Amino acid sequence: MPPSAGEPPSVAVVGCGAWGRNHVRTFKALGALGAVADASPAAAEAAVASAGVPARGFGDILSDPAIAGVVIAAPDALHADMARQVLDAGKHVLVEKPMAMSVADANDLAARARDSGLVLMTGHILLYHAGFRRLRETVARGTLGRPLHIAARRLHWAPGAPRHALWDLCPHDLSMLLALAERLPVAVRSIVTASAGTIPQAGTVHLDFGDGLDAGISFSAISPVKLHQLTVSGTNAQAVFEDSRPWPEKLALYRPGLDVRRSPVLRDAVPLTPGEPLAEEARAFLAAMTGGAEPESGAVEALGVVRVLAAAARAIASGGAETP
């Protein structure tokens, strides 16, 4: 059943854990929340209490023609299979990162979305952040000169059972790096510097784009200090995007760039209009569902991120360079 004129399409959120509850809140605020689901009855009922919509089974949601789109905020290992079921049910899907845990699954999902004409979107939320969007515009305008190096640092303490830090932490930074480079790297290297048993907890990823541009990510799930920082260094200037800082300090330009040494560094804060990236992401999903533009974190973009993640995982095992 299509929505009435002027009403957003109805969306169900599947997975009502810590991050899923943010989706519930956001789609409710946009007037688009139709249902919630969670394998835990307690989590589902808590979402019902806050959102005022029914808790339903996943299969019930898939068979309901009134539900046009589904948000998957389940554990990472379930993303690909659940997203596949949503697409096969003829519904649009926004799946949290990573879209899939293998290139084969990511390719399959992208092909299903393409062939069906449905929206397949991944929660690469920082692509919708006002600070990153301004940074991307700054790079595109040539303000930094020719980009030479991009460095990302994503460090924090992750409580609970250890998770694979490469797949858990790096998708956000990879989505930004690939958006800035506008292409995949030609080679990927990665090393693990700390593990919990066999589960990587900290390490680095290096991307070589083969034309003078390289990029690196330092990641850690065991850092007592939280730092989410992205630095783009060009021939004329450098830009630093640091989401963990207050809005007036999230994006700054530093001059000179990398081709001038031992000169005074001048810092200019870049004014931003504060906003909630998750709300922008949700609006992009709703717009794409109703015939709007392809979302920035659509199927092709998300497939590229999975390809690089998989190459980094292979590089950890091989100790050498891998091609995405």
Protein backbone atom coordinates (compact mmCIF):
# COMPACT_ATOMS: atom_id res chain seq x y z
CA MET A 1 0.00 0.00 0.00
CA PRO A 2 1.67 3.27 -1.11
CA PRO A 3 1.78 6.18 1.36
CA SER A 4 -0.69 9.03 1.05
CA ALA A 5 0.44 12.11 -0.83
CA GLY A 6 2.98 14.05 1.20
CA GLU A 7 3.63 11.19 3.61
CA PRO A 8 7.00 9.41 3.72
CA PRO A 9 7.12 5.68 2.94
CA SER A 10 6.85 3.35 5.92
CA VAL A 11 10.10 1.88 7.26
CA ALA A 12 10.70 -0.95 9.73
CA VAL A 13 13.84 -1.09 11.89
CA VAL A 14 15.13 -4.62 12.48
CA GLY A 15 17.59 -4.71 15.37
CA CYS A 16 16.87 -2.53 18.39
CA GLY A 17 20.23 -2.59 20.15
CA ALA A 18 22.27 0.49 20.98
CA TRP A 19 22.59 1.70 17.39
CA GLY A 20 19.26 0.36 16.20
CA ARG A 21 17.52 2.52 18.80
CA ASN A 22 19.05 5.56 17.11
CA HIS A 23 17.44 4.50 13.83
CA VAL A 24 14.13 4.02 15.64
CA ARG A 25 14.33 7.53 17.08
CA THR A 26 15.36 9.07 13.76
CA PHE A 27 12.72 7.47 11.54
CA LYS A 28 10.05 8.19 14.15
CA ALA A 29 11.03 11.88 14.10
CA LEU A 30 10.71 11.84 10.30
CA GLY A 31 7.23 10.30 10.51
CA ALA A 32 8.35 7.18 8.64
CA LEU A 33 8.60 4.50 11.34
CA GLY A 34 6.12 1.68 10.79
CA ALA A 35 7.40 -1.20 12.92
CA VAL A 36 10.34 -2.57 14.88
CA ALA A 37 11.75 -6.06 15.32
CA ASP A 38 14.41 -7.69 17.44
CA ALA A 39 15.33 -11.25 18.36
CA SER A 40 15.27 -10.12 22.00
CA PRO A 41 11.68 -9.55 23.20
CA ALA A 42 12.97 -7.15 25.85
CA ALA A 43 14.79 -5.01 23.27
CA ALA A 44 11.76 -5.01 20.99
CA GLU A 45 9.39 -4.00 23.79
CA ALA A 46 11.73 -1.21 24.90
CA ALA A 47 11.66 0.14 21.34
CA VAL A 48 7.86 -0.13 21.26
CA ALA A 49 7.63 1.86 24.48
CA SER A 50 9.74 4.69 23.09
CA ALA A 51 8.44 4.71 19.51
CA GLY A 52 4.78 3.81 19.81
CA VAL A 53 4.81 1.35 16.89
CA PRO A 54 4.25 -2.42 17.01
CA ALA A 55 6.98 -5.02 17.44
CA ARG A 56 6.69 -7.65 14.73
CA GLY A 57 8.55 -10.67 13.45
CA PHE A 58 11.03 -10.27 10.60
CA GLY A 59 8.99 -12.54 8.33
CA ASP A 60 5.81 -10.60 9.13
CA ILE A 61 7.54 -7.36 8.15
CA LEU A 62 8.76 -8.85 4.86
CA SER A 63 5.26 -9.98 3.90
CA ASP A 64 3.55 -6.67 4.75
CA PRO A 65 2.96 -4.55 1.61
CA ALA A 66 2.56 -1.44 3.79
CA ILE A 67 6.25 -1.60 4.74
CA ALA A 68 8.27 -0.15 1.86
CA GLY A 69 11.76 -0.19 3.37
CA VAL A 70 13.71 -1.99 6.07
CA VAL A 71 16.68 -0.88 8.15
CA ILE A 72 18.97 -3.75 9.18
CA ALA A 73 20.83 -3.00 12.44
CA ALA A 74 21.56 -6.61 13.36
CA PRO A 75 24.99 -8.18 14.09
CA ASP A 76 27.48 -7.85 11.23
CA ALA A 77 27.46 -11.54 10.30
CA LEU A 78 23.70 -11.35 9.58
CA HIS A 79 23.79 -8.26 7.35
CA ALA A 80 24.12 -9.93 3.95
CA ASP A 81 21.53 -12.67 4.50
CA MET A 82 18.95 -10.33 5.99
CA ALA A 83 19.48 -7.69 3.30
CA ARG A 84 19.09 -10.40 0.65
CA GLN A 85 15.76 -11.45 2.16
CA VAL A 86 14.55 -7.84 2.20
CA LEU A 87 15.44 -7.32 -1.46
CA ASP A 88 13.86 -10.63 -2.44
CA ALA A 89 10.67 -9.48 -0.68
CA GLY A 90 10.59 -6.45 -2.99
CA LYS A 91 11.54 -3.88 -0.37
CA HIS A 92 14.25 -1.23 -0.17
CA VAL A 93 16.98 -1.78 2.41
CA LEU A 94 19.36 0.31 4.47
CA VAL A 95 21.85 -2.08 6.04
CA GLU A 96 24.36 -1.05 8.66
CA LYS A 97 28.06 -1.28 7.90
CA PRO A 98 29.63 -3.43 6.68
CA MET A 99 27.15 -4.30 3.93
CA ALA A 100 28.55 -7.84 3.86
CA MET A 101 31.47 -9.82 5.22
CA SER A 102 32.61 -11.08 1.82
CA VAL A 103 33.01 -9.69 -1.68
CA ALA A 104 30.85 -12.50 -3.07
CA ASP A 105 27.93 -11.53 -0.84
CA ALA A 106 28.41 -7.82 -1.56
CA ASN A 107 28.44 -8.48 -5.32
CA ASP A 108 25.31 -10.58 -5.01
CA LEU A 109 23.44 -7.89 -3.07
CA ALA A 110 24.48 -5.15 -5.50
CA ALA A 111 23.33 -7.26 -8.45
CA ARG A 112 19.96 -8.02 -6.84
CA ALA A 113 19.37 -4.34 -6.11
CA ARG A 114 20.36 -3.34 -9.64
CA ASP A 115 18.20 -5.97 -11.31
CA SER A 116 15.16 -5.21 -9.14
CA GLY A 117 15.46 -1.43 -9.19
CA LEU A 118 15.39 -1.36 -5.39
CA VAL A 119 17.48 0.86 -3.13
CA LEU A 120 20.39 -0.85 -1.40
CA MET A 121 22.11 1.56 0.94
CA THR A 122 24.73 1.10 3.66
CA GLY A 123 25.06 3.09 6.87
CA HIS A 124 28.30 4.90 6.05
CA ILE A 125 27.03 7.74 8.19
CA LEU A 126 30.05 10.04 7.95
CA LEU A 127 29.41 10.61 4.24
CA TYR A 128 26.36 12.58 5.45
CA HIS A 129 28.24 14.62 8.06
CA ALA A 130 28.35 18.36 7.39
CA GLY A 131 32.05 18.40 8.27
CA PHE A 132 32.98 15.70 5.79
CA ARG A 133 30.77 17.16 3.08
CA ARG A 134 32.53 20.50 3.49
CA LEU A 135 35.91 18.75 3.45
CA ARG A 136 34.98 16.94 0.25
CA GLU A 137 33.96 20.25 -1.36
CA THR A 138 37.23 21.84 -0.21
CA VAL A 139 39.28 19.08 -1.83
CA ALA A 140 37.23 19.20 -5.04
CA ARG A 141 37.70 22.98 -5.33
CA GLY A 142 41.47 22.53 -5.21
CA THR A 143 41.93 24.54 -2.01
CA LEU A 144 44.46 21.99 -0.72
CA GLY A 145 46.28 21.75 -4.04
CA ARG A 146 47.07 18.24 -5.25
CA PRO A 147 46.21 15.71 -2.51
CA LEU A 148 49.24 13.64 -1.57
CA HIS A 149 48.30 11.80 1.60
CA ILE A 150 45.16 11.01 3.59
CA ALA A 151 45.52 9.76 7.17
CA ALA A 152 42.68 8.45 9.31
CA ARG A 153 42.83 7.56 12.99
CA ARG A 154 39.92 5.76 14.63
CA LEU A 155 40.79 4.93 18.22
CA HIS A 156 38.49 4.15 21.12
CA TRP A 157 37.69 1.62 23.80
CA ALA A 158 35.11 -0.97 22.69
CA PRO A 159 33.49 -2.68 25.69
CA GLY A 160 32.02 -6.16 25.61
CA ALA A 161 33.15 -9.23 23.70
CA PRO A 162 36.00 -8.56 21.24
CA ARG A 163 34.94 -7.88 17.66
CA HIS A 164 37.10 -7.94 14.52
CA ALA A 165 38.35 -4.35 14.67
CA LEU A 166 39.21 -4.15 10.95
CA TRP A 167 35.63 -4.90 9.88
CA ASP A 168 34.06 -3.06 12.81
CA LEU A 169 36.03 0.21 12.82
CA CYS A 170 37.44 0.77 9.34
CA PRO A 171 34.31 0.95 7.13
CA HIS A 172 33.60 4.56 8.11
CA ASP A 173 37.10 5.75 7.27
CA LEU A 174 37.32 3.68 4.10
CA SER A 175 34.04 5.18 2.88
CA MET A 176 35.50 8.67 3.34
CA LEU A 177 38.89 7.81 1.83
CA LEU A 178 37.33 6.28 -1.28
CA ALA A 179 34.92 9.20 -1.64
CA LEU A 180 37.83 11.64 -1.58
CA ALA A 181 39.99 9.58 -3.94
CA GLU A 182 37.02 8.77 -6.23
CA ARG A 183 38.56 5.40 -7.09
CA LEU A 184 39.77 2.17 -5.56
CA PRO A 185 43.41 1.74 -4.57
CA VAL A 186 45.68 -0.45 -6.67
CA ALA A 187 47.22 -2.12 -3.62
CA VAL A 188 46.26 -2.64 0.01
CA ARG A 189 48.53 -3.59 2.90
CA SER A 190 47.53 -4.20 6.50
CA ILE A 191 49.11 -5.36 9.74
CA VAL A 192 47.66 -6.22 13.15
CA THR A 193 49.39 -4.74 16.18
CA ALA A 194 47.18 -6.21 18.92
CA SER A 195 44.75 -9.13 19.10
CA ALA A 196 42.38 -10.80 21.53
CA GLY A 197 43.30 -14.39 20.75
CA THR A 198 42.92 -14.50 16.97
CA ILE A 199 40.62 -11.46 16.76
CA PRO A 200 42.40 -8.28 15.59
CA GLN A 201 41.93 -5.37 17.99
CA ALA A 202 44.36 -2.79 16.60
CA GLY A 203 46.39 -2.26 13.47
CA THR A 204 46.98 -0.25 10.34
CA VAL A 205 45.76 -0.27 6.74
CA HIS A 206 47.70 1.33 3.89
CA LEU A 207 46.17 2.18 0.51
CA ASP A 208 48.30 2.90 -2.56
CA PHE A 209 46.43 4.62 -5.38
CA GLY A 210 49.36 4.31 -7.76
CA ASP A 211 49.54 7.95 -8.85
CA GLY A 212 51.27 9.71 -5.97
CA LEU A 213 48.30 9.54 -3.59
CA ASP A 214 48.42 7.19 -0.64
CA ALA A 215 46.27 6.81 2.46
CA GLY A 216 46.46 5.10 5.81
CA ILE A 217 44.17 4.13 8.66
CA SER A 218 45.27 3.52 12.24
CA PHE A 219 42.55 1.68 14.14
CA SER A 220 42.16 0.42 17.68
CA ALA A 221 39.34 -0.95 19.80
CA ILE A 222 41.55 -0.96 22.91
CA SER A 223 42.59 2.67 23.13
CA PRO A 224 41.79 4.49 26.38
CA VAL A 225 41.70 7.73 24.37
CA LYS A 226 38.94 8.36 21.83
CA LEU A 227 40.11 9.90 18.57
CA HIS A 228 38.22 10.02 15.27
CA GLN A 229 40.34 12.12 12.92
CA LEU A 230 40.83 12.44 9.17
CA THR A 231 43.68 14.54 7.71
CA VAL A 232 44.02 15.37 4.02
CA SER A 233 47.42 16.76 3.06
CA GLY A 234 47.91 18.55 -0.23
CA THR A 235 50.58 20.65 -1.89
CA ASN A 236 48.97 23.93 -0.76
CA ALA A 237 47.26 23.15 2.53
CA GLN A 238 46.09 20.46 4.92
CA ALA A 239 42.60 19.88 6.29
CA VAL A 240 41.71 18.06 9.49
CA PHE A 241 38.22 16.70 10.16
CA GLU A 242 37.79 15.57 13.76
CA ASP A 243 34.24 14.54 14.55
CA SER A 244 34.87 14.06 18.27
CA ARG A 245 35.52 17.81 18.71
CA PRO A 246 32.85 20.52 19.24
CA TRP A 247 31.17 21.83 16.08
CA PRO A 248 33.27 25.03 15.81
CA GLU A 249 36.42 22.87 15.84
CA LYS A 250 35.41 19.85 13.75
CA LEU A 251 37.04 21.05 10.52
CA ALA A 252 40.16 23.20 10.18
CA LEU A 253 42.57 24.21 7.42
CA TYR A 254 46.31 24.42 8.02
CA ARG A 255 48.74 26.25 5.77
CA PRO A 256 51.19 25.70 4.19
CA GLY A 257 50.88 22.27 2.58
CA LEU A 258 53.40 19.47 2.25
CA ASP A 259 55.62 21.15 -0.34
CA VAL A 260 56.79 23.86 2.09
CA ARG A 261 58.94 23.00 5.10
CA ARG A 262 59.69 24.81 8.34
CA SER A 263 57.18 27.57 7.67
CA PRO A 264 54.76 28.87 10.29
CA VAL A 265 51.55 26.84 10.42
CA LEU A 266 48.41 28.95 10.14
CA ARG A 267 45.14 27.39 11.34
CA ASP A 268 41.72 28.48 10.12
CA ALA A 269 38.56 26.95 11.56
CA VAL A 270 35.96 26.22 8.89
CA PRO A 271 32.43 27.26 9.93
CA LEU A 272 29.85 24.49 9.74
CA THR A 273 26.10 24.32 10.21
CA PRO A 274 25.49 21.74 12.95
CA GLY A 275 23.31 18.82 11.98
CA GLU A 276 22.70 15.15 12.73
CA PRO A 277 24.35 12.88 10.14
CA LEU A 278 22.00 10.00 10.93
CA ALA A 279 18.99 12.16 10.09
CA GLU A 280 20.63 13.17 6.80
CA GLU A 281 21.30 9.51 6.04
CA ALA A 282 17.68 8.61 6.80
CA ARG A 283 16.39 11.44 4.58
CA ALA A 284 18.62 10.21 1.75
CA PHE A 285 17.15 6.71 2.12
CA LEU A 286 13.57 7.98 2.08
CA ALA A 287 14.29 10.22 -0.91
CA ALA A 288 15.89 7.39 -2.89
CA MET A 289 12.92 5.13 -2.08
CA THR A 290 10.58 7.65 -3.69
CA GLY A 291 12.57 8.14 -6.88
CA GLY A 292 15.17 10.61 -5.67
CA ALA A 293 18.91 10.59 -6.26
CA GLU A 294 21.10 7.56 -5.65
CA PRO A 295 22.34 7.82 -2.05
CA GLU A 296 26.00 8.57 -1.48
CA SER A 297 26.36 5.24 0.31
CA GLY A 298 24.54 3.23 -2.35
CA ALA A 299 25.30 -0.28 -3.55
CA VAL A 300 28.31 0.57 -5.73
CA GLU A 301 29.96 2.67 -3.01
CA ALA A 302 29.38 0.01 -0.35
CA LEU A 303 30.72 -2.73 -2.62
CA GLY A 304 33.96 -0.77 -3.01
CA VAL A 305 34.35 -0.54 0.77
CA VAL A 306 33.83 -4.30 1.17
CA ARG A 307 36.37 -5.00 -1.58
CA VAL A 308 39.02 -2.95 0.24
CA LEU A 309 38.16 -4.50 3.62
CA ALA A 310 38.49 -7.98 2.14
CA ALA A 311 41.82 -7.06 0.54
CA ALA A 312 43.06 -5.76 3.90
CA ALA A 313 42.00 -9.00 5.60
CA ARG A 314 43.90 -11.00 2.96
CA ALA A 315 46.93 -8.75 3.43
CA ILE A 316 46.94 -9.47 7.16
CA ALA A 317 47.07 -13.18 6.37
CA SER A 318 49.60 -12.96 3.53
CA GLY A 319 51.86 -10.27 4.92
CA GLY A 320 51.99 -8.63 1.50
CA ALA A 321 50.05 -6.32 -0.79
CA GLU A 322 46.63 -7.32 -2.10
CA THR A 323 44.46 -5.93 -4.90
CA PRO A 324 40.83 -5.03 -4.09
